[in-house]
Protein backbone atom coordinates (compact mmCIF):
# COMPACT_ATOMS: atom_id res chain seq x y z
CA MET A 1 48.41 48.91 -117.29
CA ALA A 2 45.76 51.16 -118.30
CA ARG A 3 45.71 54.53 -116.30
CA ASN A 4 42.90 56.75 -114.95
CA ARG A 5 43.16 60.32 -115.93
CA LYS A 6 40.63 62.70 -114.46
CA ARG A 7 39.10 64.90 -116.75
CA ARG A 8 40.29 68.70 -116.09
CA VAL A 9 37.14 71.32 -115.64
CA SER A 10 38.08 73.83 -118.04
CA GLY A 11 38.31 77.83 -116.83
CA ASP A 12 36.60 79.04 -113.73
CA LEU A 13 32.93 81.18 -113.65
CA SER A 14 33.65 82.72 -110.15
CA GLU A 15 36.08 85.42 -111.52
CA TYR A 16 32.80 86.68 -113.87
CA ILE A 17 30.14 86.15 -110.95
CA LEU A 18 32.44 88.35 -109.12
CA LEU A 19 32.56 91.03 -111.53
CA ILE A 20 29.03 91.31 -112.07
CA ILE A 21 28.19 91.66 -109.01
CA TYR A 22 30.79 93.94 -108.04
CA LYS A 23 29.76 96.32 -110.91
CA GLU A 24 26.03 95.49 -111.13
CA GLY A 25 24.92 94.70 -107.45
CA ALA A 26 23.28 91.52 -105.78
CA GLN A 27 21.62 88.86 -108.82
CA THR A 28 19.54 86.39 -108.68
CA LEU A 29 20.76 83.17 -109.93
CA GLU A 30 18.47 83.23 -113.23
CA LEU A 31 20.05 86.77 -113.85
CA LEU A 32 23.71 85.27 -113.28
CA LYS A 33 23.08 82.70 -115.59
CA GLN A 34 21.76 85.27 -118.55
CA LYS A 35 24.36 87.62 -117.63
CA THR A 36 27.27 84.92 -117.78
CA ALA A 37 25.93 83.17 -121.33
CA LEU A 38 28.56 85.07 -123.23
CA ARG A 39 31.29 82.85 -121.19
CA THR A 40 29.10 79.78 -120.78
CA ALA A 41 27.36 79.70 -123.87
CA ALA A 42 27.64 78.23 -127.55
CA PHE A 43 25.85 78.52 -130.64
CA ARG A 44 26.53 76.22 -133.38
CA GLY A 45 23.79 76.55 -135.52
CA ASN A 46 22.19 72.38 -136.11
CA GLU A 47 25.47 71.02 -134.53
CA ARG A 48 25.43 69.24 -131.19
CA HIS A 49 27.99 69.59 -128.12
CA HIS A 50 27.52 67.10 -125.72
CA THR A 51 28.96 67.56 -122.34
CA SER A 52 29.52 65.41 -119.66
CA PRO A 53 28.84 66.15 -115.92
CA GLU A 54 32.88 66.32 -115.03
CA GLU A 55 32.85 69.22 -117.91
CA THR A 56 30.08 71.04 -116.97
CA LEU A 57 30.58 73.65 -113.90
CA SER A 58 26.85 75.31 -113.47
CA VAL A 59 26.88 78.97 -112.40
CA GLU A 60 24.63 77.82 -108.97
CA ALA A 61 27.25 75.21 -108.30
CA THR A 62 30.03 78.07 -108.93
CA CYS A 63 27.62 80.20 -106.30
CA GLU A 64 28.00 77.16 -104.10
CA GLY A 65 31.06 77.19 -103.94
CA MET A 66 31.61 80.83 -103.18
CA LEU A 67 29.41 80.71 -100.59
CA GLY A 68 31.89 78.28 -98.73
CA LYS A 69 34.67 80.44 -99.31
CA ASN A 70 32.36 83.57 -97.31
CA TRP A 71 32.78 85.42 -100.85
CA LEU A 72 29.26 85.57 -101.41
CA LYS A 73 26.05 85.55 -99.30
CA LEU A 74 22.27 85.38 -99.55
CA THR A 75 20.38 88.19 -99.18
CA ALA A 76 16.84 88.13 -97.73
CA GLU A 77 15.54 88.57 -101.38
CA ALA A 78 17.40 85.41 -102.50
CA LYS A 79 20.14 86.91 -104.28
CA TYR A 80 23.91 86.86 -104.20
CA ASP A 81 25.77 89.70 -102.94
CA LEU A 82 29.51 90.10 -102.46
CA THR A 83 31.03 89.54 -98.75
CA ASP A 84 33.42 92.08 -97.17
CA GLU A 85 36.13 89.00 -98.34
CA GLY A 86 34.07 88.77 -101.72
CA LYS A 87 34.34 92.23 -102.16
CA VAL A 88 38.30 92.36 -102.04
CA GLU A 89 38.73 89.30 -104.93
CA ALA A 90 35.94 91.20 -107.15
CA LEU A 91 38.12 94.29 -107.07
CA ALA A 92 41.13 92.52 -107.60
CA THR A 93 39.89 90.60 -110.60
CA ALA A 94 38.54 93.87 -111.71
CA GLU A 95 41.91 95.34 -111.87
CA ARG A 96 43.69 92.85 -113.09
CA MET A 97 40.78 92.60 -116.25
CA GLU A 98 41.18 96.36 -116.68
CA ARG A 99 45.11 95.71 -116.94
CA GLY A 100 44.68 93.13 -119.19
CA ALA A 101 42.29 95.28 -121.78
CA ARG A 102 44.56 98.25 -121.64
CA MET A 103 48.00 95.98 -122.42
CA LEU A 104 46.09 94.36 -125.39
CA GLU A 105 45.04 97.46 -126.70
CA THR A 106 47.95 99.42 -126.53
CA GLN A 107 50.76 96.95 -126.88
CA PHE A 108 48.94 95.02 -129.82
CA LEU A 109 45.48 96.67 -130.93
CA SER A 110 46.65 100.32 -131.62
CA PRO A 111 47.41 101.26 -134.94
CA SER A 112 51.04 102.70 -133.46
CA ALA A 113 51.51 99.33 -131.72
CA ALA A 114 51.02 97.48 -134.85
CA ALA A 115 53.23 99.34 -136.52
CA ARG A 116 55.80 99.23 -134.01
CA ASN A 117 55.56 95.46 -133.67
CA SER A 118 55.23 94.85 -137.75
CA THR A 119 58.85 97.16 -137.32
CA ALA A 120 60.36 94.89 -135.00
CA THR A 121 59.40 91.82 -137.45
CA TYR A 122 61.18 93.48 -140.44
CA VAL A 123 64.12 93.59 -138.35
CA PHE A 124 64.04 90.04 -137.28
CA VAL A 125 63.40 89.13 -141.06
CA ALA A 126 65.95 91.37 -142.92
CA PHE A 127 68.74 90.16 -139.82
CA LEU A 128 68.18 86.49 -140.78
CA LYS A 129 68.49 86.97 -144.64
CA MET A 130 71.61 89.34 -144.32
CA LEU A 131 73.25 86.73 -141.71
CA MET A 132 72.51 83.65 -143.90
CA GLY A 133 73.08 85.36 -146.80
CA LEU A 134 76.70 86.25 -145.70
CA LEU A 135 77.31 82.89 -143.89
CA SER A 136 75.76 80.84 -147.41
CA GLY A 137 77.76 83.43 -149.47
CA SER A 138 74.02 83.51 -151.13
CA VAL A 139 73.83 86.78 -153.32
CA GLY A 140 69.97 86.40 -154.03
CA LEU A 141 69.63 86.20 -150.24
CA LEU A 142 71.91 89.09 -149.42
CA ALA A 143 69.79 91.38 -152.19
CA ASP A 144 66.44 90.17 -150.51
CA ALA A 145 67.74 91.23 -147.14
CA ALA A 146 68.41 94.81 -148.60
CA ASP A 147 64.84 94.75 -149.86
CA THR A 148 64.09 93.77 -146.71
CA THR A 149 65.78 96.59 -144.68
CA VAL A 150 63.97 99.04 -146.87
CA ASP A 151 60.91 97.35 -146.22
CA THR A 152 61.96 98.09 -142.59
CA ALA A 153 62.61 102.08 -143.02
CA ALA A 154 59.57 102.58 -144.74
CA SER A 155 57.57 100.73 -141.63
CA ALA A 156 59.25 102.87 -139.28
CA ILE A 157 58.39 106.05 -140.88
CA VAL A 158 54.69 104.32 -140.82
CA TRP A 159 55.12 103.89 -137.38
CA ALA A 160 56.08 107.86 -136.96
CA GLY A 161 53.58 109.19 -139.13
CA ILE A 162 50.84 107.37 -137.10
CA LYS A 163 52.65 108.37 -133.73
CA PHE A 164 52.70 112.01 -134.56
CA LYS A 165 49.51 111.97 -136.42
CA LYS A 166 50.76 112.17 -140.20
CA GLU A 167 49.90 108.94 -141.07
CA PHE A 168 49.24 110.09 -145.25
CA ILE A 169 53.19 110.43 -145.12
CA GLY A 170 53.48 106.77 -144.23
CA THR A 171 50.75 105.55 -146.74
CA VAL A 172 52.84 107.21 -149.49
CA THR A 173 55.84 106.37 -148.20
CA ILE A 174 54.54 102.68 -148.64
CA LEU A 175 53.42 102.92 -151.94
CA SER A 176 56.17 104.57 -153.46
CA LEU A 177 58.21 101.82 -152.37
CA MET A 178 55.83 99.25 -153.79
CA PHE A 179 55.87 100.61 -157.01
CA LEU A 180 59.70 100.61 -156.44
CA THR A 181 59.46 97.23 -155.84
CA ALA A 182 57.80 96.30 -159.01
CA ALA A 183 60.02 98.07 -160.99
CA LEU A 184 63.12 96.61 -159.61
CA LEU A 185 61.65 92.99 -159.55
CA PHE A 186 60.40 93.02 -163.07
CA VAL A 187 63.46 94.62 -164.48
CA ASN A 188 65.75 91.91 -162.83
CA SER A 189 63.25 89.38 -163.78
CA VAL A 190 63.74 90.69 -167.97
CA LYS A 191 67.33 90.26 -167.09
CA ALA A 192 67.51 87.10 -165.54
CA ILE A 193 65.30 85.94 -168.77
CA ILE A 194 68.16 87.56 -171.00
CA GLU A 195 70.75 85.97 -169.59
CA ASN A 196 69.21 82.64 -169.12
CA VAL A 197 68.85 83.22 -172.96
CA SER A 198 72.52 84.25 -173.51
CA GLY A 199 73.79 81.47 -171.47
CA THR A 200 75.06 84.12 -168.82
CA PHE A 201 73.01 83.57 -165.94
CA GLU A 202 74.83 82.52 -162.67
CA PRO A 203 73.05 79.96 -160.84
CA MET A 204 71.78 80.40 -157.40
CA THR A 205 73.96 79.34 -154.33
CA MET A 206 73.28 76.96 -151.48
CA PRO A 207 69.57 76.71 -153.01
CA ILE A 208 68.36 74.72 -149.78
CA VAL A 209 69.49 77.69 -147.15
CA VAL A 210 67.94 80.33 -149.40
CA ILE A 211 64.62 77.87 -149.29
CA VAL A 212 64.58 77.65 -145.86
CA VAL A 213 65.49 81.19 -144.77
CA GLU A 214 62.61 82.27 -147.27
CA LEU A 215 59.78 80.00 -145.92
CA VAL A 216 60.70 81.52 -142.24
CA ALA A 217 60.56 85.07 -143.63
CA MET A 218 57.06 83.96 -146.06
CA ALA A 219 55.51 82.41 -142.78
CA SER A 220 56.68 85.85 -140.49
CA MET A 221 55.28 88.04 -143.51
CA PHE A 222 51.86 86.25 -143.35
CA ILE A 223 51.34 86.57 -140.09
CA VAL A 224 52.21 90.35 -139.56
CA SER A 225 50.25 91.01 -142.98
CA LEU A 226 46.93 89.24 -141.32
CA TYR A 227 48.22 91.24 -138.27
CA GLN A 228 48.23 94.96 -140.01
CA ARG A 229 44.96 94.01 -142.36
CA PHE A 230 43.38 93.11 -138.92
CA VAL A 231 44.42 96.33 -136.82
CA GLY A 232 44.00 98.49 -139.94
CA LYS A 233 40.30 98.13 -140.82
CA ARG A 234 39.80 97.70 -137.01
CA SER A 235 41.13 101.18 -136.81
CA GLN A 236 40.41 102.56 -140.07
CA SER A 237 44.10 103.01 -141.02
CA LEU A 238 44.93 103.28 -144.96
CA SER A 239 48.49 103.19 -143.66
CA LEU A 240 48.10 100.10 -142.16
CA ILE A 241 46.03 98.36 -145.00
CA SER A 242 48.53 99.25 -147.30
CA GLN A 243 51.52 98.32 -145.25
CA SER A 244 49.27 94.58 -145.12
CA VAL A 245 49.15 94.72 -148.97
CA ASP A 246 53.07 95.47 -148.96
CA SER A 247 53.85 92.85 -146.27
CA LYS A 248 51.56 90.36 -148.55
CA ASN A 249 53.52 91.27 -151.69
CA SER A 250 56.76 90.19 -149.91
CA VAL A 251 54.92 87.10 -149.06
CA TYR A 252 54.72 86.64 -152.80
CA SER A 253 58.33 87.59 -153.40
CA SER A 254 59.80 85.10 -151.15
CA ALA A 255 57.77 82.46 -153.10
CA ALA A 256 59.28 83.26 -156.41
CA VAL A 257 62.76 83.13 -154.41
CA VAL A 258 61.63 79.58 -153.36
CA VAL A 259 60.31 78.44 -156.70
CA GLY A 260 63.73 79.51 -158.18
CA ALA A 261 65.57 77.93 -156.00
CA LEU A 262 63.40 74.94 -155.83
CA PHE A 263 63.67 74.61 -159.68
CA SER A 264 67.76 75.42 -159.85
CA MET A 265 68.19 72.38 -157.97
CA PHE A 266 67.26 70.73 -161.49
CA GLY A 267 69.42 73.09 -163.50
CA ILE A 268 66.04 75.20 -164.26
CA TYR A 269 67.03 78.77 -164.05
CA PHE A 270 64.37 80.67 -165.88
CA VAL A 271 61.04 80.03 -164.11
CA ASP A 272 61.99 82.66 -160.82
CA ALA A 273 62.02 85.53 -163.54
CA ILE A 274 58.78 84.70 -165.00
CA VAL A 275 57.24 84.43 -161.38
CA GLY A 276 58.89 87.34 -160.44
CA ALA A 277 57.69 89.54 -163.51
CA PHE A 278 54.08 88.30 -162.64
CA ILE A 279 54.43 89.66 -159.09
CA ALA A 280 55.64 92.57 -160.55
CA VAL A 281 52.37 93.22 -162.33
CA ARG A 282 50.35 91.79 -159.22
CA ILE A 283 52.53 94.41 -157.18
CA THR A 284 51.64 97.23 -159.70
CA LEU A 285 47.90 96.39 -159.39
CA ASP A 286 48.02 96.81 -155.76
CA GLY A 287 49.65 100.00 -156.00
CA ALA A 288 47.26 101.49 -158.26
CA SER A 289 44.18 100.25 -155.95
CA LEU A 290 45.87 101.68 -153.05
CA ILE A 291 46.36 105.29 -154.57
CA LYS A 292 42.63 105.73 -155.20
CA GLU A 293 41.81 105.12 -151.62
CA ALA A 294 45.02 107.62 -150.75
CA MET A 295 43.33 110.09 -152.80
CA LYS A 296 39.77 109.45 -150.84
CA MET A 297 41.81 109.88 -147.69
CA ARG A 298 43.15 113.39 -148.97
CA ARG A 299 40.09 115.09 -150.11
CA GLY A 300 38.96 113.95 -146.70
CA GLU A 301 36.56 111.10 -147.61
CA LYS A 302 36.64 107.79 -146.30
CA PRO A 303 38.19 105.05 -148.08
CA GLU A 304 36.67 101.95 -149.00
CA PHE A 305 37.97 99.53 -146.60
CA SER A 306 35.18 96.59 -146.88
CA LYS A 307 37.50 95.02 -150.00
CA TYR A 308 40.34 94.35 -148.01
CA ARG A 309 38.84 91.20 -146.25
CA LEU A 310 40.68 88.93 -144.01
CA PRO A 311 40.67 85.46 -144.27
CA PHE A 312 37.50 83.51 -143.05
CA GLU A 313 36.13 86.96 -142.55
CA GLU A 314 32.85 86.20 -143.89
CA GLU A 315 32.45 83.04 -142.10
CA ILE A 316 33.27 84.55 -138.50
CA SER A 317 30.49 87.23 -139.59
CA GLN A 318 27.83 84.92 -140.85
CA ARG A 319 28.60 82.68 -137.37
CA ARG A 320 28.13 86.05 -135.38
CA LEU A 321 24.68 86.46 -136.77
CA ASN A 322 23.56 83.12 -136.47
CA ASN A 323 24.62 83.40 -133.16
CA PHE A 324 22.65 86.87 -132.37
CA ARG A 325 19.58 84.90 -134.18
CA ASN A 326 19.74 81.62 -132.08
CA TRP A 327 19.96 83.58 -129.07
CA ILE A 328 16.52 85.66 -130.41
CA ILE A 329 14.89 82.53 -130.45
CA TYR A 330 16.19 81.15 -127.03
CA ALA A 331 15.13 84.53 -125.90
CA ILE A 332 11.38 84.31 -126.98
CA GLN A 333 10.77 80.91 -125.87
CA ASN A 334 13.10 80.28 -122.79
CA GLU A 335 12.85 83.89 -121.10
CA LYS A 336 9.64 84.78 -122.43
CA LEU A 337 10.86 87.86 -123.83
CA SER A 338 8.10 89.47 -127.06
CA THR A 339 8.90 92.86 -128.05
CA LYS A 340 11.91 94.32 -129.57
CA ALA A 341 12.99 96.32 -126.54
CA GLU A 342 12.78 93.53 -124.20
CA LEU A 343 15.03 91.40 -127.39
CA VAL A 344 17.93 94.38 -128.13
CA LYS A 345 18.22 94.80 -124.40
CA SER A 346 19.27 91.03 -124.10
CA LEU A 347 21.48 90.73 -126.98
CA GLU A 348 22.95 93.51 -125.50
CA THR A 349 22.96 92.03 -122.06
CA THR A 350 24.36 88.75 -123.48
CA PHE A 351 26.95 89.30 -126.01
CA ARG A 352 28.52 92.71 -124.79
CA PRO A 353 27.86 92.60 -121.00
CA SER A 354 28.82 95.86 -118.85
CA TYR A 355 31.38 94.19 -116.63
CA MET A 356 33.83 93.14 -119.67
CA PRO A 357 36.33 95.15 -120.97
CA PRO A 358 34.80 96.49 -124.68
CA VAL A 359 38.20 94.94 -126.34
CA PHE A 360 37.05 91.71 -124.88
CA THR A 361 33.73 91.61 -126.08
CA GLU A 362 34.34 93.08 -129.77
CA PHE A 363 35.81 89.70 -130.16
CA MET A 364 32.35 88.20 -129.59
CA THR A 365 29.94 90.76 -131.04
CA GLY A 366 32.21 92.27 -133.78
CA ARG A 367 33.62 96.12 -133.67
CA GLY A 368 30.47 98.30 -134.82
CA VAL A 369 27.85 96.10 -133.82
CA ASN A 370 24.58 98.21 -133.48
CA PHE A 371 21.53 95.77 -132.22
CA GLU A 372 19.29 98.56 -132.33
CA GLN A 373 19.82 99.48 -135.90
CA ASP A 374 20.74 95.35 -136.88
CA PHE A 375 17.19 94.30 -135.22
CA PRO A 376 15.21 94.49 -138.00
CA ARG A 377 17.37 92.57 -140.32
CA LEU A 378 17.74 89.47 -137.82
CA ILE A 379 14.25 89.18 -136.94
CA LYS A 380 13.10 89.45 -140.64
CA SER A 381 15.70 86.13 -141.60
CA LEU A 382 13.62 84.53 -138.36
CA ILE A 383 10.19 85.39 -139.35
CA ASP A 384 11.21 84.71 -143.44
CA GLU A 385 12.33 81.02 -142.24
CA GLY A 386 9.31 80.42 -140.23
CA TYR A 387 11.10 80.25 -136.80
CA VAL A 388 9.45 83.39 -135.22
CA VAL A 389 6.16 84.99 -136.08
CA GLU A 390 5.28 88.71 -135.48
CA SER A 391 1.65 89.63 -133.54
CA ASP A 392 1.08 93.22 -132.29
CA CYS A 393 4.48 94.27 -132.31
CA CYS A 394 5.45 91.11 -130.43
CA TYR A 395 6.77 88.08 -131.64
CA LYS A 396 6.71 84.37 -130.98
CA VAL A 397 8.43 81.29 -131.88
CA THR A 398 6.47 78.72 -134.15
CA GLU A 399 6.25 75.01 -133.93
CA LYS A 400 9.16 74.72 -136.76
CA GLY A 401 11.26 77.44 -134.43
CA LYS A 402 10.92 75.01 -131.03
CA THR A 403 11.99 72.39 -133.57
CA TYR A 404 14.94 74.18 -134.42
CA LEU A 405 15.48 75.24 -130.85
CA LYS A 406 15.56 71.87 -129.91
CA ASP A 407 18.42 70.56 -132.17
CA THR A 408 20.40 73.16 -130.82
CA ILE A 409 19.39 73.73 -126.92
CA ASP A 410 22.29 71.70 -125.74
CA VAL A 411 24.59 74.11 -127.57
CA MET A 412 23.06 77.09 -126.21
CA ARG A 413 22.64 75.64 -122.66
CA TYR A 414 25.12 77.03 -120.12
CA LYS A 415 28.28 75.54 -120.11
CA GLN A 416 32.09 75.93 -119.10
CA THR A 417 34.31 76.79 -122.23
CA GLU A 418 37.99 78.21 -122.63
CA LEU A 419 37.32 81.91 -122.78
């Protein structure tokens, strides 16, 4: 028998509406719709996203529900305002959101927190390799565990350097470790090749155990590398960027061990040595690049962080720009805004709302976005594509822009989504 399943309405706009009114005073329905656009609007180029009535919870319906709960009241000016009960709820919501923002910032996104969390991950990976190396008797795993233990010590030094404002010491430590690792890896690779040629090479013991442990280490180091790079770029911390490169190199080193273990199962023992030598060269090149940035920092210059990209960073940046462009078209056509000042204010209100902690909204806008400075570039692209025209310092949507807007209006519509 087929079972009927009631579709779940995702999320709740009530806490956002409470926050807006709590922090900015009584609001009309139209203003509430505009100010919750970051929470409810989605812009996806020409993609179409259809929402059913069961999935959609409008601002108006939410306000009506809160009127029934006696959290809101309608003023004589047809504005929604908080009741005494609503103020209690709004205060609790504001405090909860501020606590969440502080925890996110202090426990995950600050340089010190990233260094601390990285050190904890290194401890876990080193312990896992050491334990499985002892249980399996694998000399390769024990050697790799010793290397990860050194990484753990270096990570602790980076943490201390950030904590005590001696970040350059942490950067030098990581760079020194990278060159030492590259040298040892190259020497061991050459030694392994010679032993293979002379017939004195000792095969890897328990390759399956080695493969499983190294795959876990690879996944852990890959995630840590992305995390370190994100926080490093966000905070302009060269020591975290250096550590992210070192963590990435740990992924390569583990991959070399896995490759060697796989081939050893078929009696081929020289492949990991060749791969190891190649990785040693890559680590050396990465270290040389980082030394240049460290010298810049030492001279008081700003290091070049833009070249240390995250996966899909360009695509995410382009999506944000498209969001801003689409909103400008929407605001000109539907909100009847026409001047630069009006449109910049609309972008600020929509994508960087005052009622939300900055740490939450930066993931939508991107850190460092300045709508006042970026507006000429945004509007120029719309004019060049024929979506908008300028006349007497005012902007108007063209027929082509109206057609484009019709293709995107259903995803720009206020709709309920997961935060």
